[in-house]
Amino acid sequence: MKTHSCAAPTGVFTFNCNSRDFVVQQKDVAYFHPSTTNEGQYFVMMQNGKQYRAENLVEITRMIGPSETISVRKKL
């Protein structure tokens, strides 16, 4: 019997802040929440304490299997 193993899902967040594009690893994000005053903006807090006011926040999750790679892109 052949068994297959899958790598743990990996993911990144992409966003714009102050006219700059950012790509950060999910594991480096402490938390994020939507702005209560500006629709479409999020506050992103990093594990290292950096904070961003993000626009166009997108979560991209990738799962790599034995014969395929699946990417899921979700605009938040």
C-alpha atoms as a PDB file:
ATOM      1  CA  MET A   1       0.000   0.000   0.000  1.00  0.00           C
ATOM      2  CA  LYS A   2       1.341   3.366  -1.019  1.00  0.00           C
ATOM      3  CA  THR A   3       0.882   6.311   1.302  1.00  0.00           C
ATOM      4  CA  HIS A   4       1.131   9.937   0.322  1.00  0.00           C
ATOM      5  CA  SER A   5       2.063  12.795   2.533  1.00  0.00           C
ATOM      6  CA  CYS A   6       1.049  16.392   2.096  1.00  0.00           C
ATOM      7  CA  ALA A   7       3.043  19.361   3.207  1.00  0.00           C
ATOM      8  CA  ALA A   8       1.371  21.652   5.689  1.00  0.00           C
ATOM      9  CA  PRO A   9      -0.502  24.495   4.018  1.00  0.00           C
ATOM     10  CA  THR A  10       1.527  27.649   3.581  1.00  0.00           C
ATOM     11  CA  GLY A  11       0.137  31.084   3.073  1.00  0.00           C
ATOM     12  CA  VAL A  12       0.821  34.736   2.577  1.00  0.00           C
ATOM     13  CA  PHE A  13      -1.078  37.985   2.813  1.00  0.00           C
ATOM     14  CA  THR A  14      -0.694  40.616   0.110  1.00  0.00           C
ATOM     15  CA  PHE A  15      -1.769  44.224   0.570  1.00  0.00           C
ATOM     16  CA  ASN A  16      -1.042  47.867  -0.250  1.00  0.00           C
ATOM     17  CA  CYS A  17       0.036  50.427   2.333  1.00  0.00           C
ATOM     18  CA  ASN A  18       1.132  53.993   1.550  1.00  0.00           C
ATOM     19  CA  SER A  19       1.271  53.200  -2.200  1.00  0.00           C
ATOM     20  CA  ARG A  20       3.643  50.253  -1.592  1.00  0.00           C
ATOM     21  CA  ASP A  21       2.926  46.562  -2.190  1.00  0.00           C
ATOM     22  CA  PHE A  22       3.604  44.080   0.612  1.00  0.00           C
ATOM     23  CA  VAL A  23       3.724  40.285   0.767  1.00  0.00           C
ATOM     24  CA  VAL A  24       4.018  38.817   4.277  1.00  0.00           C
ATOM     25  CA  GLN A  25       3.959  35.241   5.561  1.00  0.00           C
ATOM     26  CA  GLN A  26       0.832  34.222   7.480  1.00  0.00           C
ATOM     27  CA  LYS A  27       2.995  33.020  10.368  1.00  0.00           C
ATOM     28  CA  ASP A  28       4.407  36.552  10.755  1.00  0.00           C
ATOM     29  CA  VAL A  29       0.960  38.155  11.221  1.00  0.00           C
ATOM     30  CA  ALA A  30      -0.233  38.374  14.839  1.00  0.00           C
ATOM     31  CA  TYR A  31      -3.747  39.488  13.872  1.00  0.00           C
ATOM     32  CA  PHE A  32      -5.734  41.769  11.583  1.00  0.00           C
ATOM     33  CA  HIS A  33      -9.111  43.448  11.795  1.00  0.00           C
ATOM     34  CA  PRO A  34     -11.190  45.725   9.568  1.00  0.00           C
ATOM     35  CA  SER A  35     -11.079  49.474  10.040  1.00  0.00           C
ATOM     36  CA  THR A  36     -14.227  50.868  11.629  1.00  0.00           C
ATOM     37  CA  THR A  37     -13.849  54.223   9.855  1.00  0.00           C
ATOM     38  CA  ASN A  38     -12.537  53.389   6.367  1.00  0.00           C
ATOM     39  CA  GLU A  39     -14.343  50.718   4.386  1.00  0.00           C
ATOM     40  CA  GLY A  40     -11.965  48.336   2.623  1.00  0.00           C
ATOM     41  CA  GLN A  41      -9.048  49.000   4.982  1.00  0.00           C
ATOM     42  CA  TYR A  42      -7.614  46.639   7.584  1.00  0.00           C
ATOM     43  CA  PHE A  43      -5.211  47.068  10.453  1.00  0.00           C
ATOM     44  CA  VAL A  44      -2.503  44.405  10.273  1.00  0.00           C
ATOM     45  CA  MET A  45      -0.343  43.761  13.348  1.00  0.00           C
ATOM     46  CA  MET A  46       2.842  41.776  12.788  1.00  0.00           C
ATOM     47  CA  GLN A  47       4.488  39.437  15.321  1.00  0.00           C
ATOM     48  CA  ASN A  48       7.412  41.891  15.551  1.00  0.00           C
ATOM     49  CA  GLY A  49       5.092  44.787  16.516  1.00  0.00           C
ATOM     50  CA  LYS A  50       4.975  46.567  13.133  1.00  0.00           C
ATOM     51  CA  GLN A  51       1.540  47.835  12.161  1.00  0.00           C
ATOM     52  CA  TYR A  52       0.080  48.526   8.741  1.00  0.00           C
ATOM     53  CA  ARG A  53      -3.112  50.183   7.516  1.00  0.00           C
ATOM     54  CA  ALA A  54      -3.718  47.793   4.644  1.00  0.00           C
ATOM     55  CA  GLU A  55      -5.843  48.159   1.533  1.00  0.00           C
ATOM     56  CA  ASN A  56      -6.692  45.362  -0.915  1.00  0.00           C
ATOM     57  CA  LEU A  57      -5.879  42.675   1.660  1.00  0.00           C
ATOM     58  CA  VAL A  58      -5.752  39.228   0.048  1.00  0.00           C
ATOM     59  CA  GLU A  59      -5.024  35.885   1.716  1.00  0.00           C
ATOM     60  CA  ILE A  60      -3.330  33.278  -0.487  1.00  0.00           C
ATOM     61  CA  THR A  61      -3.104  29.722   0.851  1.00  0.00           C
ATOM     62  CA  ARG A  62      -1.164  27.008  -0.957  1.00  0.00           C
ATOM     63  CA  MET A  63      -1.418  23.273  -0.292  1.00  0.00           C
ATOM     64  CA  ILE A  64       1.111  21.049  -2.018  1.00  0.00           C
ATOM     65  CA  GLY A  65       0.076  17.436  -2.520  1.00  0.00           C
ATOM     66  CA  PRO A  66       1.831  14.450  -4.070  1.00  0.00           C
ATOM     67  CA  SER A  67       0.805  15.332  -7.607  1.00  0.00           C
ATOM     68  CA  GLU A  68      -0.699  18.794  -7.507  1.00  0.00           C
ATOM     69  CA  THR A  69      -0.536  22.225  -5.964  1.00  0.00           C
ATOM     70  CA  ILE A  70      -3.728  23.959  -4.933  1.00  0.00           C
ATOM     71  CA  SER A  71      -3.789  27.714  -4.379  1.00  0.00           C
ATOM     72  CA  VAL A  72      -6.730  29.519  -2.829  1.00  0.00           C
ATOM     73  CA  ARG A  73      -6.934  33.282  -3.148  1.00  0.00           C
ATOM     74  CA  LYS A  74      -9.408  35.118  -0.911  1.00  0.00           C
ATOM     75  CA  LYS A  75      -9.945  38.880  -0.962  1.00  0.00           C
ATOM     76  CA  LEU A  76     -10.786  40.047   2.537  1.00  0.00           C
END
